[in-house]
N, C-alpha and C. Protein backbone atom coordinates (compact mmCIF):
# COMPACT_ATOMS: atom_id res chain seq x y z
N UNK A 1 -22.63 -4.18 49.11
CA UNK A 1 -22.26 -2.90 49.67
C UNK A 1 -22.85 -2.84 51.06
N UNK A 2 -22.06 -2.41 52.00
CA UNK A 2 -22.53 -2.26 53.35
C UNK A 2 -22.78 -0.77 53.65
N UNK A 3 -23.40 -0.49 54.74
CA UNK A 3 -23.70 0.89 55.09
C UNK A 3 -22.46 1.73 55.42
N UNK A 4 -21.38 1.14 55.71
CA UNK A 4 -20.17 1.88 56.06
C UNK A 4 -19.39 2.31 54.83
N UNK A 5 -19.71 1.78 53.65
CA UNK A 5 -19.00 2.17 52.43
C UNK A 5 -19.58 3.47 51.91
N UNK A 6 -18.70 4.27 51.32
CA UNK A 6 -19.09 5.55 50.74
C UNK A 6 -18.27 5.80 49.49
N UNK A 7 -18.92 6.12 48.42
CA UNK A 7 -18.26 6.27 47.14
C UNK A 7 -17.97 7.76 46.82
N UNK A 8 -17.67 8.55 47.72
CA UNK A 8 -17.36 9.98 47.48
C UNK A 8 -16.30 10.43 48.44
N UNK A 9 -16.09 11.72 48.47
CA UNK A 9 -15.08 12.23 49.41
C UNK A 9 -15.51 11.93 50.83
N UNK A 10 -14.55 11.68 51.65
CA UNK A 10 -14.82 11.37 53.02
C UNK A 10 -15.30 12.64 53.75
N UNK A 11 -16.55 12.69 54.17
CA UNK A 11 -17.04 13.92 54.81
C UNK A 11 -16.29 14.31 56.05
N UNK A 12 -15.78 13.36 56.79
CA UNK A 12 -15.08 13.71 58.02
C UNK A 12 -13.70 14.33 57.66
N UNK A 13 -13.08 13.95 56.56
CA UNK A 13 -11.79 14.54 56.17
C UNK A 13 -12.01 15.96 55.68
N UNK A 14 -12.98 16.18 54.81
CA UNK A 14 -13.23 17.54 54.29
C UNK A 14 -13.67 18.47 55.41
N UNK A 15 -14.41 17.93 56.37
CA UNK A 15 -14.83 18.72 57.50
C UNK A 15 -13.64 19.14 58.36
N UNK A 16 -12.67 18.24 58.53
CA UNK A 16 -11.46 18.59 59.31
C UNK A 16 -10.62 19.61 58.61
N UNK A 17 -10.65 19.69 57.27
CA UNK A 17 -9.83 20.63 56.54
C UNK A 17 -10.44 22.04 56.58
N UNK A 18 -11.72 22.15 56.58
CA UNK A 18 -12.39 23.46 56.58
C UNK A 18 -12.06 24.34 57.77
N UNK A 19 -12.03 23.82 58.98
CA UNK A 19 -11.72 24.72 60.11
C UNK A 19 -10.40 25.45 59.91
N UNK A 20 -9.39 24.78 59.32
CA UNK A 20 -8.11 25.44 59.12
C UNK A 20 -8.23 26.60 58.13
N UNK A 21 -9.00 26.37 57.10
CA UNK A 21 -9.22 27.44 56.09
C UNK A 21 -9.97 28.58 56.69
N UNK A 22 -11.10 28.25 57.41
CA UNK A 22 -11.89 29.32 58.04
C UNK A 22 -11.11 30.01 59.12
N UNK A 23 -10.31 29.32 59.88
CA UNK A 23 -9.49 29.96 60.95
C UNK A 23 -8.50 30.92 60.31
N UNK A 24 -7.91 30.52 59.17
CA UNK A 24 -7.02 31.43 58.47
C UNK A 24 -7.68 32.67 57.96
N UNK A 25 -8.84 32.52 57.39
CA UNK A 25 -9.64 33.66 56.89
C UNK A 25 -10.06 34.54 58.03
N UNK A 26 -10.48 33.93 59.12
CA UNK A 26 -10.89 34.70 60.29
C UNK A 26 -9.72 35.49 60.86
N UNK A 27 -8.57 34.88 60.89
CA UNK A 27 -7.38 35.55 61.36
C UNK A 27 -6.99 36.75 60.52
N UNK A 28 -7.11 36.62 59.19
CA UNK A 28 -6.83 37.71 58.32
C UNK A 28 -7.86 38.86 58.51
N UNK A 29 -9.15 38.47 58.62
CA UNK A 29 -10.20 39.46 58.81
C UNK A 29 -9.98 40.23 60.17
N UNK A 30 -9.62 39.50 61.22
CA UNK A 30 -9.40 40.14 62.51
C UNK A 30 -8.19 41.04 62.44
N UNK A 31 -7.17 40.62 61.73
CA UNK A 31 -5.93 41.45 61.61
C UNK A 31 -6.25 42.76 60.87
N UNK A 32 -7.00 42.68 59.79
CA UNK A 32 -7.40 43.88 59.01
C UNK A 32 -8.28 44.77 59.85
N UNK A 33 -9.24 44.18 60.56
CA UNK A 33 -10.14 45.02 61.37
C UNK A 33 -9.37 45.69 62.50
N UNK A 34 -8.47 44.97 63.13
CA UNK A 34 -7.68 45.60 64.20
C UNK A 34 -6.82 46.73 63.67
N UNK A 35 -6.26 46.55 62.49
CA UNK A 35 -5.41 47.61 61.89
C UNK A 35 -6.20 48.82 61.57
N UNK A 36 -7.47 48.66 61.20
CA UNK A 36 -8.33 49.79 60.83
C UNK A 36 -8.90 50.47 62.07
N UNK A 37 -9.22 49.69 63.14
CA UNK A 37 -9.87 50.26 64.32
C UNK A 37 -8.84 50.84 65.30
N UNK A 38 -7.66 50.33 65.37
CA UNK A 38 -6.68 50.78 66.37
C UNK A 38 -6.45 52.28 66.35
N UNK A 39 -6.21 52.89 65.18
CA UNK A 39 -6.00 54.34 65.19
C UNK A 39 -7.25 55.08 65.71
N UNK A 40 -8.46 54.60 65.39
CA UNK A 40 -9.68 55.23 65.90
C UNK A 40 -9.79 55.11 67.40
N UNK A 41 -9.45 53.97 67.93
CA UNK A 41 -9.51 53.79 69.36
C UNK A 41 -8.51 54.69 70.10
N UNK A 42 -7.34 54.84 69.51
CA UNK A 42 -6.31 55.70 70.12
C UNK A 42 -6.73 57.16 70.07
N UNK A 43 -7.53 57.55 69.07
CA UNK A 43 -7.93 58.94 68.95
C UNK A 43 -8.79 59.39 70.15
N UNK A 44 -9.53 58.48 70.75
CA UNK A 44 -10.37 58.81 71.88
C UNK A 44 -9.69 58.46 73.23
N UNK A 45 -8.43 58.13 73.19
CA UNK A 45 -7.79 57.79 74.46
C UNK A 45 -7.53 58.99 75.33
N UNK A 46 -7.20 58.76 76.58
CA UNK A 46 -6.97 59.84 77.54
C UNK A 46 -5.92 60.86 77.01
N UNK A 47 -4.81 60.35 76.46
CA UNK A 47 -3.78 61.24 75.97
C UNK A 47 -4.30 62.13 74.85
N UNK A 48 -4.97 61.51 73.87
CA UNK A 48 -5.46 62.25 72.72
C UNK A 48 -6.56 63.25 73.12
N UNK A 49 -7.44 62.89 74.07
CA UNK A 49 -8.59 63.71 74.38
C UNK A 49 -8.16 64.93 75.22
N UNK A 50 -7.04 64.86 75.94
CA UNK A 50 -6.60 66.00 76.73
C UNK A 50 -6.28 67.18 75.85
N UNK A 51 -5.85 66.97 74.65
CA UNK A 51 -5.51 68.04 73.70
C UNK A 51 -6.71 68.39 72.84
N UNK A 52 -7.88 67.77 73.08
CA UNK A 52 -9.05 67.99 72.28
C UNK A 52 -10.18 68.53 73.18
N UNK A 53 -11.23 69.04 72.52
CA UNK A 53 -12.47 69.32 73.21
C UNK A 53 -13.43 68.20 72.86
N UNK A 54 -14.30 67.90 73.78
CA UNK A 54 -15.26 66.79 73.61
C UNK A 54 -16.67 67.40 73.41
N UNK A 55 -17.35 66.95 72.39
CA UNK A 55 -18.70 67.42 72.13
C UNK A 55 -19.66 66.26 72.30
N UNK A 56 -20.63 66.40 73.20
CA UNK A 56 -21.65 65.40 73.44
C UNK A 56 -22.89 65.84 72.73
N UNK A 57 -23.45 64.95 71.87
CA UNK A 57 -24.62 65.32 71.08
C UNK A 57 -25.82 64.43 71.35
N UNK A 58 -25.66 63.38 72.12
CA UNK A 58 -26.68 62.39 72.27
C UNK A 58 -27.59 62.58 73.50
N UNK A 59 -27.40 63.65 74.26
CA UNK A 59 -28.25 63.85 75.49
C UNK A 59 -29.49 64.64 75.13
N UNK A 60 -30.61 64.02 75.27
CA UNK A 60 -31.89 64.62 75.00
C UNK A 60 -32.52 65.04 76.32
N UNK A 61 -33.09 66.23 76.40
CA UNK A 61 -33.78 66.71 77.59
C UNK A 61 -35.18 67.20 77.19
N UNK A 62 -36.09 66.30 76.92
CA UNK A 62 -37.40 66.70 76.43
C UNK A 62 -38.16 67.69 77.34
N UNK A 63 -38.04 67.52 78.63
CA UNK A 63 -38.75 68.40 79.55
C UNK A 63 -38.23 69.82 79.50
N UNK A 64 -37.00 70.00 79.03
CA UNK A 64 -36.41 71.32 78.88
C UNK A 64 -36.41 71.76 77.41
N UNK A 65 -37.05 71.04 76.56
CA UNK A 65 -37.15 71.35 75.14
C UNK A 65 -35.79 71.36 74.45
N UNK A 66 -34.92 70.41 74.83
CA UNK A 66 -33.61 70.26 74.18
C UNK A 66 -33.60 68.88 73.53
N UNK A 67 -33.41 68.83 72.22
CA UNK A 67 -33.34 67.55 71.48
C UNK A 67 -31.89 67.26 71.15
N UNK A 68 -31.62 65.98 71.04
CA UNK A 68 -30.23 65.55 70.67
C UNK A 68 -30.04 65.91 69.18
N UNK A 69 -28.77 65.99 68.78
CA UNK A 69 -28.46 66.38 67.36
C UNK A 69 -27.44 65.40 66.83
N UNK A 70 -27.35 65.42 65.53
CA UNK A 70 -26.32 64.65 64.85
C UNK A 70 -25.51 65.61 63.92
N UNK A 71 -24.28 65.90 64.34
CA UNK A 71 -23.45 66.84 63.56
C UNK A 71 -23.06 66.23 62.27
N UNK A 72 -23.26 66.95 61.17
CA UNK A 72 -22.95 66.43 59.83
C UNK A 72 -22.00 67.35 59.06
N UNK A 73 -21.77 68.55 59.55
CA UNK A 73 -20.83 69.45 58.89
C UNK A 73 -20.04 70.21 59.95
N UNK A 74 -18.71 70.23 59.76
CA UNK A 74 -17.84 71.03 60.61
C UNK A 74 -17.00 71.90 59.68
N UNK A 75 -17.05 73.21 59.96
CA UNK A 75 -16.27 74.19 59.20
C UNK A 75 -16.52 74.06 57.69
N UNK A 76 -17.74 73.81 57.30
CA UNK A 76 -18.12 73.72 55.88
C UNK A 76 -17.82 72.39 55.22
N UNK A 77 -17.22 71.44 55.94
CA UNK A 77 -16.90 70.14 55.42
C UNK A 77 -17.86 69.07 55.94
N UNK A 78 -18.45 68.28 55.05
CA UNK A 78 -19.29 67.19 55.51
C UNK A 78 -18.42 66.20 56.24
N UNK A 79 -18.94 65.73 57.36
CA UNK A 79 -18.17 64.78 58.17
C UNK A 79 -19.12 63.66 58.63
N UNK A 80 -18.49 62.57 59.06
CA UNK A 80 -19.22 61.55 59.78
C UNK A 80 -18.53 61.46 61.12
N UNK A 81 -19.34 61.77 62.20
CA UNK A 81 -18.81 61.67 63.56
C UNK A 81 -19.72 60.73 64.30
N UNK A 82 -19.27 60.19 65.41
CA UNK A 82 -20.07 59.29 66.21
C UNK A 82 -21.35 59.98 66.65
N UNK A 83 -22.49 59.34 66.57
CA UNK A 83 -23.76 59.94 66.83
C UNK A 83 -23.94 60.43 68.28
N UNK A 84 -23.24 59.90 69.21
CA UNK A 84 -23.44 60.35 70.62
C UNK A 84 -22.46 61.42 71.06
N UNK A 85 -21.34 61.53 70.35
CA UNK A 85 -20.33 62.54 70.71
C UNK A 85 -19.01 62.27 70.03
N UNK A 86 -18.16 63.29 70.04
CA UNK A 86 -16.87 63.18 69.33
C UNK A 86 -15.89 64.21 69.89
N UNK A 87 -14.63 64.03 69.57
CA UNK A 87 -13.59 64.98 69.91
C UNK A 87 -13.34 65.96 68.76
N UNK A 88 -12.96 67.16 69.11
CA UNK A 88 -12.64 68.18 68.07
C UNK A 88 -11.43 68.99 68.52
N UNK A 89 -10.64 69.44 67.58
CA UNK A 89 -9.49 70.25 67.87
C UNK A 89 -9.95 71.57 68.52
N UNK A 90 -9.16 72.10 69.46
CA UNK A 90 -9.54 73.38 70.06
C UNK A 90 -9.54 74.48 69.00
N UNK A 91 -10.35 75.51 69.25
CA UNK A 91 -10.44 76.63 68.36
C UNK A 91 -11.92 76.94 68.02
N UNK A 92 -12.07 77.92 67.10
CA UNK A 92 -13.42 78.31 66.69
C UNK A 92 -13.84 77.39 65.57
N UNK A 93 -15.05 76.84 65.68
CA UNK A 93 -15.58 75.95 64.67
C UNK A 93 -17.02 76.30 64.37
N UNK A 94 -17.46 76.04 63.18
CA UNK A 94 -18.86 76.20 62.79
C UNK A 94 -19.43 74.82 62.60
N UNK A 95 -20.49 74.50 63.32
CA UNK A 95 -21.11 73.21 63.29
C UNK A 95 -22.51 73.29 62.69
N UNK A 96 -22.80 72.31 61.87
CA UNK A 96 -24.21 72.16 61.37
C UNK A 96 -24.64 70.76 61.78
N UNK A 97 -25.96 70.64 61.98
CA UNK A 97 -26.45 69.35 62.45
C UNK A 97 -27.90 69.10 61.98
N UNK A 98 -28.36 67.90 62.20
CA UNK A 98 -29.75 67.52 61.98
C UNK A 98 -30.27 67.02 63.34
N UNK A 99 -31.58 67.10 63.45
CA UNK A 99 -32.19 66.65 64.70
C UNK A 99 -33.59 66.11 64.44
N UNK A 100 -34.01 65.28 65.35
CA UNK A 100 -35.40 64.82 65.35
C UNK A 100 -35.98 65.43 66.63
N UNK A 101 -36.92 66.33 66.47
CA UNK A 101 -37.45 67.12 67.57
C UNK A 101 -38.50 66.29 68.29
N UNK A 102 -38.36 66.27 69.67
CA UNK A 102 -39.31 65.62 70.52
C UNK A 102 -40.22 66.74 71.08
N UNK A 103 -41.48 66.78 70.56
CA UNK A 103 -42.41 67.82 70.99
C UNK A 103 -43.42 67.31 72.00
N UNK A 104 -43.09 66.22 72.69
CA UNK A 104 -44.00 65.69 73.69
C UNK A 104 -44.23 66.67 74.87
N UNK A 105 -43.25 67.52 75.20
CA UNK A 105 -43.35 68.46 76.31
C UNK A 105 -43.50 69.89 75.77
N UNK A 106 -43.06 70.17 74.57
CA UNK A 106 -43.01 71.50 74.02
C UNK A 106 -43.80 71.58 72.74
N UNK A 107 -44.73 72.53 72.67
CA UNK A 107 -45.54 72.63 71.46
C UNK A 107 -44.82 73.47 70.44
N UNK A 108 -45.26 73.31 69.20
CA UNK A 108 -44.65 74.01 68.07
C UNK A 108 -45.64 74.78 67.27
N UNK A 109 -45.24 75.92 66.76
CA UNK A 109 -46.07 76.74 65.84
C UNK A 109 -45.34 76.74 64.51
N UNK A 110 -46.08 76.60 63.44
CA UNK A 110 -45.43 76.66 62.12
C UNK A 110 -45.52 75.30 61.45
N UNK A 111 -44.98 75.26 60.21
CA UNK A 111 -45.07 73.98 59.48
C UNK A 111 -44.41 72.84 60.25
N UNK A 112 -45.10 71.72 60.32
CA UNK A 112 -44.62 70.58 61.05
C UNK A 112 -43.68 69.72 60.22
N UNK A 113 -42.61 69.23 60.88
CA UNK A 113 -41.73 68.31 60.25
C UNK A 113 -41.11 67.49 61.37
N UNK A 114 -40.82 66.26 61.08
CA UNK A 114 -40.20 65.38 62.06
C UNK A 114 -38.73 65.62 62.19
N UNK A 115 -38.10 66.01 61.10
CA UNK A 115 -36.65 66.24 61.12
C UNK A 115 -36.40 67.70 60.68
N UNK A 116 -35.59 68.42 61.43
CA UNK A 116 -35.28 69.79 61.05
C UNK A 116 -33.83 69.94 60.77
N UNK A 117 -33.52 70.74 59.73
CA UNK A 117 -32.10 71.14 59.50
C UNK A 117 -31.86 72.32 60.38
N UNK A 118 -30.77 72.25 61.11
CA UNK A 118 -30.46 73.23 62.11
C UNK A 118 -29.52 74.29 61.55
N UNK A 119 -29.78 75.55 61.86
CA UNK A 119 -28.92 76.62 61.44
C UNK A 119 -27.53 76.47 62.11
N UNK A 120 -26.46 76.88 61.41
CA UNK A 120 -25.09 76.64 61.94
C UNK A 120 -24.89 77.38 63.27
N UNK A 121 -23.96 76.78 64.05
CA UNK A 121 -23.55 77.38 65.35
C UNK A 121 -22.06 77.57 65.24
N UNK A 122 -21.59 78.81 65.49
CA UNK A 122 -20.18 79.06 65.58
C UNK A 122 -19.78 79.23 67.03
N UNK A 123 -18.78 78.51 67.50
CA UNK A 123 -18.40 78.57 68.91
C UNK A 123 -16.90 78.29 69.03
N UNK A 124 -16.37 78.75 70.18
CA UNK A 124 -15.00 78.51 70.52
C UNK A 124 -14.93 77.29 71.44
N UNK A 125 -14.11 76.35 71.11
CA UNK A 125 -13.95 75.11 71.89
C UNK A 125 -12.56 75.03 72.49
N UNK A 126 -12.49 74.83 73.78
CA UNK A 126 -11.21 74.73 74.48
C UNK A 126 -10.84 73.32 74.82
N UNK A 127 -9.53 73.00 74.70
CA UNK A 127 -8.99 71.67 75.02
C UNK A 127 -9.34 71.26 76.45
N UNK A 128 -9.66 70.00 76.64
CA UNK A 128 -10.00 69.46 77.93
C UNK A 128 -11.37 69.72 78.46
N UNK A 129 -12.18 70.46 77.71
CA UNK A 129 -13.53 70.78 78.16
C UNK A 129 -14.53 69.87 77.36
N UNK A 130 -15.68 69.64 77.99
CA UNK A 130 -16.76 68.91 77.39
C UNK A 130 -17.96 69.82 77.14
N UNK A 131 -18.45 69.82 75.93
CA UNK A 131 -19.55 70.72 75.54
C UNK A 131 -20.74 69.82 75.19
N UNK A 132 -21.89 70.17 75.75
CA UNK A 132 -23.15 69.48 75.45
C UNK A 132 -23.92 70.28 74.44
N UNK A 133 -24.09 69.69 73.30
CA UNK A 133 -24.73 70.37 72.18
C UNK A 133 -26.14 69.82 71.98
N UNK A 134 -27.09 70.68 71.74
CA UNK A 134 -28.45 70.26 71.51
C UNK A 134 -29.22 71.25 70.69
N UNK A 135 -30.47 70.95 70.42
CA UNK A 135 -31.34 71.79 69.66
C UNK A 135 -32.42 72.35 70.57
N UNK A 136 -32.38 73.61 70.86
CA UNK A 136 -33.34 74.28 71.74
C UNK A 136 -34.60 74.61 70.96
N UNK A 137 -35.69 73.94 71.35
CA UNK A 137 -36.98 74.21 70.72
C UNK A 137 -38.00 74.64 71.75
N UNK A 138 -37.51 75.47 72.73
CA UNK A 138 -38.36 75.91 73.82
C UNK A 138 -39.35 77.01 73.40
N UNK A 139 -39.07 77.74 72.32
CA UNK A 139 -39.96 78.79 71.85
C UNK A 139 -41.18 78.13 71.16
N UNK A 140 -42.31 78.74 71.32
CA UNK A 140 -43.49 78.27 70.61
C UNK A 140 -43.40 78.49 69.11
N UNK A 141 -42.54 79.41 68.72
CA UNK A 141 -42.35 79.75 67.32
C UNK A 141 -41.12 78.98 66.76
N UNK A 142 -41.35 78.12 65.80
CA UNK A 142 -40.30 77.27 65.21
C UNK A 142 -39.14 78.10 64.70
N UNK A 143 -39.40 79.31 64.19
CA UNK A 143 -38.32 80.11 63.59
C UNK A 143 -37.29 80.51 64.65
N UNK A 144 -37.63 80.41 65.94
CA UNK A 144 -36.71 80.78 66.99
C UNK A 144 -35.91 79.60 67.52
N UNK A 145 -36.14 78.41 67.03
CA UNK A 145 -35.42 77.22 67.45
C UNK A 145 -33.99 77.27 66.94
N UNK A 146 -33.05 76.79 67.78
CA UNK A 146 -31.61 76.95 67.35
C UNK A 146 -30.76 75.88 68.03
N UNK A 147 -29.59 75.69 67.42
CA UNK A 147 -28.51 74.85 67.99
C UNK A 147 -27.86 75.59 69.11
N UNK A 148 -27.66 74.95 70.26
CA UNK A 148 -27.10 75.57 71.43
C UNK A 148 -26.11 74.65 72.14
N UNK A 149 -25.18 75.29 72.84
CA UNK A 149 -24.36 74.57 73.82
C UNK A 149 -25.07 74.84 75.17
N UNK A 150 -25.67 73.79 75.75
CA UNK A 150 -26.47 73.97 76.95
C UNK A 150 -25.73 73.66 78.20
N UNK A 151 -24.51 73.16 78.08
CA UNK A 151 -23.73 72.84 79.30
C UNK A 151 -22.29 72.70 78.89
N UNK A 152 -21.39 73.19 79.75
CA UNK A 152 -19.92 73.03 79.58
C UNK A 152 -19.35 72.47 80.88
N UNK A 153 -18.51 71.44 80.75
CA UNK A 153 -17.79 70.89 81.91
C UNK A 153 -16.29 70.98 81.70
N UNK A 154 -15.59 71.07 82.81
CA UNK A 154 -14.14 71.02 82.76
C UNK A 154 -13.56 72.35 82.87
């Protein structure tokens, strides 16, 4: 027996066959992913957003005692929206959110917690406008903290 003989499947042949299988599986995975993501990508496009209001939730302003929020309920329905911001149909909506309060610039009175459930905010949202939503914790008394729209553009 010489070193060039091999009594099993040819590793170079099986290796050449695998890329075709993997390429096929990758193609299917990419096709499915594209089909699922395309409608989401179109929802945030220029055309779609002109008929929507935009809500920005990821801007934190610690020096002004405004913490970012994560909206988890819209009009009484639990939702998953992008953590930094999302589009919403024009009209009056009630939003609920969670926040992680940054008290490095603003002191707090009352029971301490790292995460606060925010009382609902009802507001009118107009198409084509951008609303900056945050949690105002500027009062020394925690009971006065609230969800606010601190800036509107458009």
